[in-house]
Full PDB file with SEQRES, HELIX, SHEET, SSBOND, CRYST1, ORIGX, SCALE, CONECT and MASTER records, all heavy atoms in Angstrom:
SEQRES   1 A   41  PHE GLN LEU ILE GLY ALA LEU THR GLY THR VAL PRO LEU          
SEQRES   2 A   41  THR LEU MET LEU LEU LEU PRO ALA VAL ALA LEU LEU THR          
SEQRES   3 A   41  LEU PRO THR PHE VAL LEU ALA ALA MET ASP VAL GLY ARG          
SEQRES   4 A   41  GLU ARG                                                      
HELIX    1 AA1 GLN A    2  THR A    8  1                                   7    
HELIX    2 AA2 LEU A   13  LEU A   17  1                                   5    
HELIX    3 AA3 LEU A   19  ALA A   33  1                                  15    
CRYST1    1.000    1.000    1.000  90.00  90.00  90.00 P 1           1          
ORIGX1      1.000000  0.000000  0.000000        0.00000                         
ORIGX2      0.000000  1.000000  0.000000        0.00000                         
ORIGX3      0.000000  0.000000  1.000000        0.00000                         
SCALE1      1.000000  0.000000  0.000000        0.00000                         
SCALE2      0.000000  1.000000  0.000000        0.00000                         
SCALE3      0.000000  0.000000  1.000000        0.00000                         
ATOM      1  N   PHE A   1      -0.412  -7.229  -3.282  1.00  0.00           N  
ATOM      2  CA  PHE A   1      -1.128  -8.358  -2.668  1.00  0.00           C  
ATOM      3  C   PHE A   1      -2.638  -8.109  -2.603  1.00  0.00           C  
ATOM      4  O   PHE A   1      -3.435  -9.052  -2.623  1.00  0.00           O  
ATOM      5  CB  PHE A   1      -0.533  -8.716  -1.301  1.00  0.00           C  
ATOM      6  CG  PHE A   1      -0.941  -7.860  -0.151  1.00  0.00           C  
ATOM      7  CD1 PHE A   1      -2.189  -8.006   0.461  1.00  0.00           C  
ATOM      8  CD2 PHE A   1      -0.076  -6.924   0.374  1.00  0.00           C  
ATOM      9  CE1 PHE A   1      -2.550  -7.233   1.536  1.00  0.00           C  
ATOM     10  CE2 PHE A   1      -0.440  -6.153   1.455  1.00  0.00           C  
ATOM     11  CZ  PHE A   1      -1.674  -6.300   2.045  1.00  0.00           C  
ATOM     12  N   GLN A   2      -3.064  -6.849  -2.564  1.00  0.00           N  
ATOM     13  CA  GLN A   2      -4.502  -6.583  -2.630  1.00  0.00           C  
ATOM     14  C   GLN A   2      -5.055  -6.958  -4.001  1.00  0.00           C  
ATOM     15  O   GLN A   2      -6.166  -7.520  -4.110  1.00  0.00           O  
ATOM     16  CB  GLN A   2      -4.778  -5.102  -2.344  1.00  0.00           C  
ATOM     17  CG  GLN A   2      -4.477  -4.660  -0.927  1.00  0.00           C  
ATOM     18  CD  GLN A   2      -5.524  -5.126   0.084  1.00  0.00           C  
ATOM     19  OE1 GLN A   2      -6.467  -5.860  -0.268  1.00  0.00           O  
ATOM     20  NE2 GLN A   2      -5.355  -4.741   1.340  1.00  0.00           N  
ATOM     21  N   LEU A   3      -4.280  -6.669  -5.063  1.00  0.00           N  
ATOM     22  CA  LEU A   3      -4.719  -7.002  -6.415  1.00  0.00           C  
ATOM     23  C   LEU A   3      -4.747  -8.510  -6.628  1.00  0.00           C  
ATOM     24  O   LEU A   3      -5.680  -9.049  -7.248  1.00  0.00           O  
ATOM     25  CB  LEU A   3      -3.787  -6.338  -7.440  1.00  0.00           C  
ATOM     26  CG  LEU A   3      -4.185  -6.453  -8.911  1.00  0.00           C  
ATOM     27  CD1 LEU A   3      -5.549  -5.815  -9.149  1.00  0.00           C  
ATOM     28  CD2 LEU A   3      -3.135  -5.793  -9.794  1.00  0.00           C  
ATOM     29  N   ILE A   4      -3.751  -9.190  -6.090  1.00  0.00           N  
ATOM     30  CA  ILE A   4      -3.746 -10.651  -6.200  1.00  0.00           C  
ATOM     31  C   ILE A   4      -4.943 -11.242  -5.465  1.00  0.00           C  
ATOM     32  O   ILE A   4      -5.613 -12.160  -5.957  1.00  0.00           O  
ATOM     33  CB  ILE A   4      -2.422 -11.225  -5.650  1.00  0.00           C  
ATOM     34  CG1 ILE A   4      -1.258 -10.818  -6.556  1.00  0.00           C  
ATOM     35  CG2 ILE A   4      -2.494 -12.747  -5.546  1.00  0.00           C  
ATOM     36  CD1 ILE A   4       0.092 -11.238  -6.031  1.00  0.00           C  
ATOM     37  N   GLY A   5      -5.233 -10.697  -4.283  1.00  0.00           N  
ATOM     38  CA  GLY A   5      -6.398 -11.191  -3.544  1.00  0.00           C  
ATOM     39  C   GLY A   5      -7.695 -10.928  -4.269  1.00  0.00           C  
ATOM     40  O   GLY A   5      -8.609 -11.771  -4.266  1.00  0.00           O  
ATOM     41  N   ALA A   6      -7.809  -9.769  -4.935  1.00  0.00           N  
ATOM     42  CA  ALA A   6      -9.036  -9.462  -5.667  1.00  0.00           C  
ATOM     43  C   ALA A   6      -9.208 -10.368  -6.881  1.00  0.00           C  
ATOM     44  O   ALA A   6     -10.336 -10.736  -7.239  1.00  0.00           O  
ATOM     45  CB  ALA A   6      -9.024  -8.004  -6.097  1.00  0.00           C  
ATOM     46  N   LEU A   7      -8.093 -10.738  -7.535  1.00  0.00           N  
ATOM     47  CA  LEU A   7      -8.183 -11.565  -8.740  1.00  0.00           C  
ATOM     48  C   LEU A   7      -8.413 -13.034  -8.414  1.00  0.00           C  
ATOM     49  O   LEU A   7      -9.141 -13.732  -9.121  1.00  0.00           O  
ATOM     50  CB  LEU A   7      -6.906 -11.412  -9.585  1.00  0.00           C  
ATOM     51  CG  LEU A   7      -6.686 -10.044 -10.245  1.00  0.00           C  
ATOM     52  CD1 LEU A   7      -5.332 -10.000 -10.927  1.00  0.00           C  
ATOM     53  CD2 LEU A   7      -7.795  -9.758 -11.255  1.00  0.00           C  
ATOM     54  N   THR A   8      -7.780 -13.499  -7.345  1.00  0.00           N  
ATOM     55  CA  THR A   8      -7.875 -14.928  -7.018  1.00  0.00           C  
ATOM     56  C   THR A   8      -8.969 -15.241  -6.015  1.00  0.00           C  
ATOM     57  O   THR A   8      -9.358 -16.401  -5.862  1.00  0.00           O  
ATOM     58  CB  THR A   8      -6.530 -15.422  -6.467  1.00  0.00           C  
ATOM     59  OG1 THR A   8      -6.209 -14.689  -5.273  1.00  0.00           O  
ATOM     60  CG2 THR A   8      -5.421 -15.221  -7.494  1.00  0.00           C  
ATOM     61  N   GLY A   9      -9.468 -14.236  -5.295  1.00  0.00           N  
ATOM     62  CA  GLY A   9     -10.497 -14.476  -4.294  1.00  0.00           C  
ATOM     63  C   GLY A   9      -9.960 -14.916  -2.956  1.00  0.00           C  
ATOM     64  O   GLY A   9     -10.732 -15.099  -2.016  1.00  0.00           O  
ATOM     65  N   THR A  10      -8.660 -15.106  -2.824  1.00  0.00           N  
ATOM     66  CA  THR A  10      -8.041 -15.501  -1.562  1.00  0.00           C  
ATOM     67  C   THR A  10      -6.901 -14.538  -1.243  1.00  0.00           C  
ATOM     68  O   THR A  10      -6.164 -14.100  -2.136  1.00  0.00           O  
ATOM     69  CB  THR A  10      -7.477 -16.932  -1.635  1.00  0.00           C  
ATOM     70  OG1 THR A  10      -6.525 -16.997  -2.696  1.00  0.00           O  
ATOM     71  CG2 THR A  10      -8.591 -17.938  -1.884  1.00  0.00           C  
ATOM     72  N   VAL A  11      -6.764 -14.225   0.038  1.00  0.00           N  
ATOM     73  CA  VAL A  11      -5.718 -13.304   0.454  1.00  0.00           C  
ATOM     74  C   VAL A  11      -4.380 -14.043   0.469  1.00  0.00           C  
ATOM     75  O   VAL A  11      -4.269 -15.116   1.084  1.00  0.00           O  
ATOM     76  CB  VAL A  11      -6.017 -12.733   1.846  1.00  0.00           C  
ATOM     77  CG1 VAL A  11      -4.887 -11.820   2.313  1.00  0.00           C  
ATOM     78  CG2 VAL A  11      -7.341 -11.987   1.834  1.00  0.00           C  
ATOM     79  N   PRO A  12      -3.327 -13.524  -0.200  1.00  0.00           N  
ATOM     80  CA  PRO A  12      -1.998 -14.151  -0.143  1.00  0.00           C  
ATOM     81  C   PRO A  12      -1.385 -13.930   1.243  1.00  0.00           C  
ATOM     82  O   PRO A  12      -0.822 -12.867   1.532  1.00  0.00           O  
ATOM     83  CB  PRO A  12      -1.211 -13.441  -1.245  1.00  0.00           C  
ATOM     84  CG  PRO A  12      -1.886 -12.138  -1.426  1.00  0.00           C  
ATOM     85  CD  PRO A  12      -3.331 -12.354  -1.108  1.00  0.00           C  
ATOM     86  N   LEU A  13      -1.502 -14.950   2.100  1.00  0.00           N  
ATOM     87  CA  LEU A  13      -1.116 -14.783   3.492  1.00  0.00           C  
ATOM     88  C   LEU A  13       0.369 -14.460   3.655  1.00  0.00           C  
ATOM     89  O   LEU A  13       0.747 -13.664   4.515  1.00  0.00           O  
ATOM     90  CB  LEU A  13      -1.472 -16.058   4.274  1.00  0.00           C  
ATOM     91  CG  LEU A  13      -2.973 -16.344   4.414  1.00  0.00           C  
ATOM     92  CD1 LEU A  13      -3.189 -17.661   5.153  1.00  0.00           C  
ATOM     93  CD2 LEU A  13      -3.666 -15.205   5.146  1.00  0.00           C  
ATOM     94  N   THR A  14       1.219 -15.092   2.849  1.00  0.00           N  
ATOM     95  CA  THR A  14       2.662 -14.860   2.996  1.00  0.00           C  
ATOM     96  C   THR A  14       3.001 -13.395   2.744  1.00  0.00           C  
ATOM     97  O   THR A  14       3.722 -12.756   3.525  1.00  0.00           O  
ATOM     98  CB  THR A  14       3.445 -15.758   2.030  1.00  0.00           C  
ATOM     99  OG1 THR A  14       3.125 -17.125   2.305  1.00  0.00           O  
ATOM    100  CG2 THR A  14       4.939 -15.551   2.190  1.00  0.00           C  
ATOM    101  N   LEU A  15       2.481 -12.841   1.658  1.00  0.00           N  
ATOM    102  CA  LEU A  15       2.736 -11.434   1.353  1.00  0.00           C  
ATOM    103  C   LEU A  15       2.129 -10.527   2.406  1.00  0.00           C  
ATOM    104  O   LEU A  15       2.718  -9.506   2.785  1.00  0.00           O  
ATOM    105  CB  LEU A  15       2.183 -11.091  -0.029  1.00  0.00           C  
ATOM    106  CG  LEU A  15       2.821 -11.802  -1.227  1.00  0.00           C  
ATOM    107  CD1 LEU A  15       2.129 -11.389  -2.520  1.00  0.00           C  
ATOM    108  CD2 LEU A  15       4.304 -11.477  -1.303  1.00  0.00           C  
ATOM    109  N   MET A  16       0.944 -10.905   2.897  1.00  0.00           N  
ATOM    110  CA  MET A  16       0.271 -10.071   3.888  1.00  0.00           C  
ATOM    111  C   MET A  16       1.065 -10.037   5.196  1.00  0.00           C  
ATOM    112  O   MET A  16       1.256  -8.973   5.798  1.00  0.00           O  
ATOM    113  CB  MET A  16      -1.132 -10.616   4.146  1.00  0.00           C  
ATOM    114  CG  MET A  16      -1.917  -9.834   5.202  1.00  0.00           C  
ATOM    115  SD  MET A  16      -3.381 -10.734   5.742  1.00  0.00           S  
ATOM    116  CE  MET A  16      -2.633 -12.092   6.658  1.00  0.00           C  
ATOM    117  N   LEU A  17       1.564 -11.201   5.641  1.00  0.00           N  
ATOM    118  CA  LEU A  17       2.276 -11.255   6.912  1.00  0.00           C  
ATOM    119  C   LEU A  17       3.644 -10.575   6.846  1.00  0.00           C  
ATOM    120  O   LEU A  17       4.206 -10.206   7.883  1.00  0.00           O  
ATOM    121  CB  LEU A  17       2.444 -12.717   7.344  1.00  0.00           C  
ATOM    122  CG  LEU A  17       1.141 -13.450   7.684  1.00  0.00           C  
ATOM    123  CD1 LEU A  17       1.403 -14.915   7.962  1.00  0.00           C  
ATOM    124  CD2 LEU A  17       0.453 -12.793   8.887  1.00  0.00           C  
ATOM    125  N   LEU A  18       4.202 -10.406   5.657  1.00  0.00           N  
ATOM    126  CA  LEU A  18       5.495  -9.736   5.515  1.00  0.00           C  
ATOM    127  C   LEU A  18       5.359  -8.225   5.355  1.00  0.00           C  
ATOM    128  O   LEU A  18       6.365  -7.529   5.187  1.00  0.00           O  
ATOM    129  CB  LEU A  18       6.257 -10.306   4.313  1.00  0.00           C  
ATOM    130  CG  LEU A  18       6.764 -11.735   4.472  1.00  0.00           C  
ATOM    131  CD1 LEU A  18       7.431 -12.203   3.183  1.00  0.00           C  
ATOM    132  CD2 LEU A  18       7.744 -11.838   5.635  1.00  0.00           C  
ATOM    133  N   LEU A  19       4.138  -7.694   5.428  1.00  0.00           N  
ATOM    134  CA  LEU A  19       3.935  -6.258   5.269  1.00  0.00           C  
ATOM    135  C   LEU A  19       4.661  -5.437   6.341  1.00  0.00           C  
ATOM    136  O   LEU A  19       5.227  -4.382   6.040  1.00  0.00           O  
ATOM    137  CB  LEU A  19       2.433  -5.954   5.275  1.00  0.00           C  
ATOM    138  CG  LEU A  19       2.035  -4.503   5.008  1.00  0.00           C  
ATOM    139  CD1 LEU A  19       2.574  -4.028   3.660  1.00  0.00           C  
ATOM    140  CD2 LEU A  19       0.507  -4.351   5.040  1.00  0.00           C  
ATOM    141  N   PRO A  20       4.701  -5.878   7.625  1.00  0.00           N  
ATOM    142  CA  PRO A  20       5.481  -5.104   8.613  1.00  0.00           C  
ATOM    143  C   PRO A  20       6.973  -5.006   8.270  1.00  0.00           C  
ATOM    144  O   PRO A  20       7.620  -4.010   8.628  1.00  0.00           O  
ATOM    145  CB  PRO A  20       5.261  -5.878   9.912  1.00  0.00           C  
ATOM    146  CG  PRO A  20       3.964  -6.574   9.729  1.00  0.00           C  
ATOM    147  CD  PRO A  20       3.922  -6.954   8.275  1.00  0.00           C  
ATOM    148  N   ALA A  21       7.505  -6.010   7.591  1.00  0.00           N  
ATOM    149  CA  ALA A  21       8.919  -5.943   7.189  1.00  0.00           C  
ATOM    150  C   ALA A  21       9.139  -4.807   6.195  1.00  0.00           C  
ATOM    151  O   ALA A  21      10.152  -4.093   6.249  1.00  0.00           O  
ATOM    152  CB  ALA A  21       9.360  -7.281   6.592  1.00  0.00           C  
ATOM    153  N   VAL A  22       8.192  -4.626   5.267  1.00  0.00           N  
ATOM    154  CA  VAL A  22       8.300  -3.526   4.304  1.00  0.00           C  
ATOM    155  C   VAL A  22       8.223  -2.188   5.028  1.00  0.00           C  
ATOM    156  O   VAL A  22       8.955  -1.236   4.701  1.00  0.00           O  
ATOM    157  CB  VAL A  22       7.196  -3.643   3.234  1.00  0.00           C  
ATOM    158  CG1 VAL A  22       7.293  -2.501   2.231  1.00  0.00           C  
ATOM    159  CG2 VAL A  22       7.286  -4.982   2.516  1.00  0.00           C  
ATOM    160  N   ALA A  23       7.357  -2.108   6.042  1.00  0.00           N  
ATOM    161  CA  ALA A  23       7.268  -0.867   6.819  1.00  0.00           C  
ATOM    162  C   ALA A  23       8.581  -0.580   7.541  1.00  0.00           C  
ATOM    163  O   ALA A  23       9.020   0.581   7.627  1.00  0.00           O  
ATOM    164  CB  ALA A  23       6.115  -0.966   7.816  1.00  0.00           C  
ATOM    165  N   LEU A  24       9.230  -1.621   8.071  1.00  0.00           N  
ATOM    166  CA  LEU A  24      10.517  -1.420   8.742  1.00  0.00           C  
ATOM    167  C   LEU A  24      11.585  -0.891   7.783  1.00  0.00           C  
ATOM    168  O   LEU A  24      12.474  -0.140   8.185  1.00  0.00           O  
ATOM    169  CB  LEU A  24      10.989  -2.736   9.367  1.00  0.00           C  
ATOM    170  CG  LEU A  24      10.453  -3.061  10.762  1.00  0.00           C  
ATOM    171  CD1 LEU A  24      10.895  -4.451  11.183  1.00  0.00           C  
ATOM    172  CD2 LEU A  24      10.921  -2.027  11.780  1.00  0.00           C  
ATOM    173  N   LEU A  25      11.505  -1.289   6.516  1.00  0.00           N  
ATOM    174  CA  LEU A  25      12.485  -0.812   5.541  1.00  0.00           C  
ATOM    175  C   LEU A  25      12.382   0.694   5.312  1.00  0.00           C  
ATOM    176  O   LEU A  25      13.358   1.335   4.920  1.00  0.00           O  
ATOM    177  CB  LEU A  25      12.305  -1.557   4.215  1.00  0.00           C  
ATOM    178  CG  LEU A  25      12.646  -3.056   4.219  1.00  0.00           C  
ATOM    179  CD1 LEU A  25      12.356  -3.665   2.851  1.00  0.00           C  
ATOM    180  CD2 LEU A  25      14.109  -3.271   4.590  1.00  0.00           C  
ATOM    181  N   THR A  26      11.206   1.265   5.530  1.00  0.00           N  
ATOM    182  CA  THR A  26      11.041   2.716   5.344  1.00  0.00           C  
ATOM    183  C   THR A  26      11.490   3.517   6.555  1.00  0.00           C  
ATOM    184  O   THR A  26      11.624   4.746   6.471  1.00  0.00           O  
ATOM    185  CB  THR A  26       9.570   3.052   5.046  1.00  0.00           C  
ATOM    186  OG1 THR A  26       8.767   2.733   6.201  1.00  0.00           O  
ATOM    187  CG2 THR A  26       9.060   2.258   3.851  1.00  0.00           C  
ATOM    188  N   LEU A  27      11.704   2.848   7.700  1.00  0.00           N  
ATOM    189  CA  LEU A  27      12.028   3.557   8.939  1.00  0.00           C  
ATOM    190  C   LEU A  27      13.311   4.381   8.832  1.00  0.00           C  
ATOM    191  O   LEU A  27      13.330   5.547   9.254  1.00  0.00           O  
ATOM    192  CB  LEU A  27      12.115   2.551  10.093  1.00  0.00           C  
ATOM    193  CG  LEU A  27      12.435   3.130  11.474  1.00  0.00           C  
ATOM    194  CD1 LEU A  27      11.348   4.099  11.908  1.00  0.00           C  
ATOM    195  CD2 LEU A  27      12.588   1.995  12.496  1.00  0.00           C  
ATOM    196  N   PRO A  28      14.429   3.853   8.286  1.00  0.00           N  
ATOM    197  CA  PRO A  28      15.669   4.669   8.247  1.00  0.00           C  
ATOM    198  C   PRO A  28      15.525   5.950   7.429  1.00  0.00           C  
ATOM    199  O   PRO A  28      16.260   6.913   7.678  1.00  0.00           O  
ATOM    200  CB  PRO A  28      16.694   3.714   7.612  1.00  0.00           C  
ATOM    201  CG  PRO A  28      16.164   2.342   7.860  1.00  0.00           C  
ATOM    202  CD  PRO A  28      14.683   2.483   7.804  1.00  0.00           C  
ATOM    203  N   THR A  29      14.611   5.974   6.462  1.00  0.00           N  
ATOM    204  CA  THR A  29      14.495   7.172   5.635  1.00  0.00           C  
ATOM    205  C   THR A  29      14.010   8.370   6.442  1.00  0.00           C  
ATOM    206  O   THR A  29      14.393   9.516   6.166  1.00  0.00           O  
ATOM    207  CB  THR A  29      13.532   6.920   4.462  1.00  0.00           C  
ATOM    208  OG1 THR A  29      12.224   6.615   4.974  1.00  0.00           O  
ATOM    209  CG2 THR A  29      14.022   5.751   3.611  1.00  0.00           C  
ATOM    210  N   PHE A  30      13.173   8.126   7.485  1.00  0.00           N  
ATOM    211  CA  PHE A  30      12.715   9.228   8.341  1.00  0.00           C  
ATOM    212  C   PHE A  30      13.889   9.821   9.118  1.00  0.00           C  
ATOM    213  O   PHE A  30      13.978  11.048   9.296  1.00  0.00           O  
ATOM    214  CB  PHE A  30      11.642   8.723   9.310  1.00  0.00           C  
ATOM    215  CG  PHE A  30      10.317   8.442   8.666  1.00  0.00           C  
ATOM    216  CD1 PHE A  30      10.077   7.241   8.027  1.00  0.00           C  
ATOM    217  CD2 PHE A  30       9.301   9.383   8.700  1.00  0.00           C  
ATOM    218  CE1 PHE A  30       8.855   6.968   7.434  1.00  0.00           C  
ATOM    219  CE2 PHE A  30       8.072   9.129   8.112  1.00  0.00           C  
ATOM    220  CZ  PHE A  30       7.856   7.917   7.462  1.00  0.00           C  
ATOM    221  N   VAL A  31      14.784   8.961   9.576  1.00  0.00           N  
ATOM    222  CA  VAL A  31      15.943   9.435  10.337  1.00  0.00           C  
ATOM    223  C   VAL A  31      16.889  10.224   9.440  1.00  0.00           C  
ATOM    224  O   VAL A  31      17.361  11.310   9.789  1.00  0.00           O  
ATOM    225  CB  VAL A  31      16.662   8.247  10.992  1.00  0.00           C  
ATOM    226  CG1 VAL A  31      17.896   8.727  11.764  1.00  0.00           C  
ATOM    227  CG2 VAL A  31      15.719   7.502  11.930  1.00  0.00           C  
ATOM    228  N   LEU A  32      17.187   9.670   8.270  1.00  0.00           N  
ATOM    229  CA  LEU A  32      18.113  10.347   7.357  1.00  0.00           C  
ATOM    230  C   LEU A  32      17.554  11.680   6.873  1.00  0.00           C  
ATOM    231  O   LEU A  32      18.312  12.631   6.646  1.00  0.00           O  
ATOM    232  CB  LEU A  32      18.416   9.445   6.161  1.00  0.00           C  
ATOM    233  CG  LEU A  32      19.219   8.173   6.470  1.00  0.00           C  
ATOM    234  CD1 LEU A  32      19.345   7.322   5.213  1.00  0.00           C  
ATOM    235  CD2 LEU A  32      20.590   8.531   7.013  1.00  0.00           C  
ATOM    236  N   ALA A  33      16.232  11.756   6.714  1.00  0.00           N  
ATOM    237  CA  ALA A  33      15.636  13.012   6.240  1.00  0.00           C  
ATOM    238  C   ALA A  33      15.841  14.147   7.232  1.00  0.00           C  
ATOM    239  O   ALA A  33      15.911  15.319   6.843  1.00  0.00           O  
ATOM    240  CB  ALA A  33      14.151  12.809   5.960  1.00  0.00           C  
ATOM    241  N   ALA A  34      15.953  13.825   8.530  1.00  0.00           N  
ATOM    242  CA  ALA A  34      16.124  14.851   9.552  1.00  0.00           C  
ATOM    243  C   ALA A  34      17.588  15.115   9.869  1.00  0.00           C  
ATOM    244  O   ALA A  34      17.885  15.872  10.802  1.00  0.00           O  
ATOM    245  CB  ALA A  34      15.390  14.442  10.831  1.00  0.00           C  
ATOM    246  N   MET A  35      18.500  14.518   9.112  1.00  0.00           N  
ATOM    247  CA  MET A  35      19.936  14.735   9.314  1.00  0.00           C  
ATOM    248  C   MET A  35      20.496  15.499   8.115  1.00  0.00           C  
ATOM    249  O   MET A  35      19.982  15.408   7.004  1.00  0.00           O  
ATOM    250  CB  MET A  35      20.670  13.396   9.477  1.00  0.00           C  
ATOM    251  CG  MET A  35      20.185  12.583  10.673  1.00  0.00           C  
ATOM    252  SD  MET A  35      20.950  10.941  10.754  1.00  0.00           S  
ATOM    253  CE  MET A  35      22.658  11.401  11.026  1.00  0.00           C  
ATOM    254  N   ASP A  36      21.565  16.257   8.380  1.00  0.00           N  
ATOM    255  CA  ASP A  36      22.170  17.077   7.323  1.00  0.00           C  
ATOM    256  C   ASP A  36      23.110  16.219   6.482  1.00  0.00           C  
ATOM    257  O   ASP A  36      24.336  16.364   6.512  1.00  0.00           O  
ATOM    258  CB  ASP A  36      22.919  18.258   7.939  1.00  0.00           C  
ATOM    259  CG  ASP A  36      23.342  19.273   6.878  1.00  0.00           C  
ATOM    260  OD1 ASP A  36      22.927  19.118   5.713  1.00  0.00           O  
ATOM    261  OD2 ASP A  36      24.087  20.212   7.223  1.00  0.00           O  
ATOM    262  N   VAL A  37      22.533  15.311   5.736  1.00  0.00           N  
ATOM    263  CA  VAL A  37      23.302  14.430   4.861  1.00  0.00           C  
ATOM    264  C   VAL A  37      22.582  14.367   3.520  1.00  0.00           C  
ATOM    265  O   VAL A  37      21.438  14.810   3.377  1.00  0.00           O  
ATOM    266  CB  VAL A  37      23.446  13.002   5.452  1.00  0.00           C  
ATOM    267  CG1 VAL A  37      24.258  13.015   6.728  1.00  0.00           C  
ATOM    268  CG2 VAL A  37      22.067  12.385   5.691  1.00  0.00           C  
ATOM    269  N   GLY A  38      23.276  13.803   2.552  1.00  0.00           N  
ATOM    270  CA  GLY A  38      22.634  13.541   1.269  1.00  0.00           C  
ATOM    271  C   GLY A  38      22.526  14.724   0.344  1.00  0.00           C  
ATOM    272  O   GLY A  38      21.660  14.743  -0.533  1.00  0.00           O  
ATOM    273  N   ARG A  39      23.385  15.737   0.545  1.00  0.00           N  
ATOM    274  CA  ARG A  39      23.338  16.851  -0.399  1.00  0.00           C  
ATOM    275  C   ARG A  39      23.943  16.477  -1.742  1.00  0.00           C  
ATOM    276  O   ARG A  39      23.684  17.125  -2.747  1.00  0.00           O  
ATOM    277  CB  ARG A  39      24.069  18.063   0.181  1.00  0.00           C  
ATOM    278  CG  ARG A  39      23.401  18.599   1.447  1.00  0.00           C  
ATOM    279  CD  ARG A  39      24.070  19.863   1.930  1.00  0.00           C  
ATOM    280  NE  ARG A  39      23.482  20.336   3.172  1.00  0.00           N  
ATOM    281  CZ  ARG A  39      22.386  21.086   3.247  1.00  0.00           C  
ATOM    282  NH1 ARG A  39      21.768  21.429   2.142  1.00  0.00           N  
ATOM    283  NH2 ARG A  39      21.916  21.486   4.419  1.00  0.00           N  
ATOM    284  N   GLU A  40      24.822  15.448  -1.748  1.00  0.00           N  
ATOM    285  CA  GLU A  40      25.373  14.980  -3.016  1.00  0.00           C  
ATOM    286  C   GLU A  40      24.298  14.230  -3.791  1.00  0.00           C  
ATOM    287  O   GLU A  40      23.506  13.480  -3.240  1.00  0.00           O  
ATOM    288  CB  GLU A  40      26.578  14.059  -2.781  1.00  0.00           C  
ATOM    289  CG  GLU A  40      27.725  14.720  -2.026  1.00  0.00           C  
ATOM    290  CD  GLU A  40      27.498  14.712  -0.533  1.00  0.00           C  
ATOM    291  OE1 GLU A  40      26.507  14.093  -0.098  1.00  0.00           O  
ATOM    292  OE2 GLU A  40      28.296  15.336   0.185  1.00  0.00           O  
ATOM    293  N   ARG A  41      24.307  14.423  -5.079  1.00  0.00           N  
ATOM    294  CA  ARG A  41      23.301  13.800  -5.926  1.00  0.00           C  
ATOM    295  C   ARG A  41      23.781  12.423  -6.372  1.00  0.00           C  
ATOM    296  O   ARG A  41      24.953  12.219  -6.677  1.00  0.00           O  
ATOM    297  CB  ARG A  41      23.019  14.649  -7.164  1.00  0.00           C  
ATOM    298  CG  ARG A  41      22.634  16.064  -6.850  1.00  0.00           C  
ATOM    299  CD  ARG A  41      21.341  16.141  -6.091  1.00  0.00           C  
ATOM    300  NE  ARG A  41      20.237  15.642  -6.863  1.00  0.00           N  
ATOM    301  CZ  ARG A  41      19.028  15.424  -6.375  1.00  0.00           C  
ATOM    302  NH1 ARG A  41      18.789  15.654  -5.113  1.00  0.00           N  
ATOM    303  NH2 ARG A  41      18.061  14.980  -7.151  1.00  0.00           N  
TER     304      ARG A  41                                                      
MASTER        0    0    0    3    0    0    0    6  303    1    0    4          
END                                                                             
């Protein structure tokens, strides 16, 4: 969305406002990383 804003001159508000949702998607990975799981490939 930064690249789209730089090319078009306007900030894509929809993509910008959904950025916290993307951050929430990364939250479970912190929990799983501290648990003894995922040794299988």
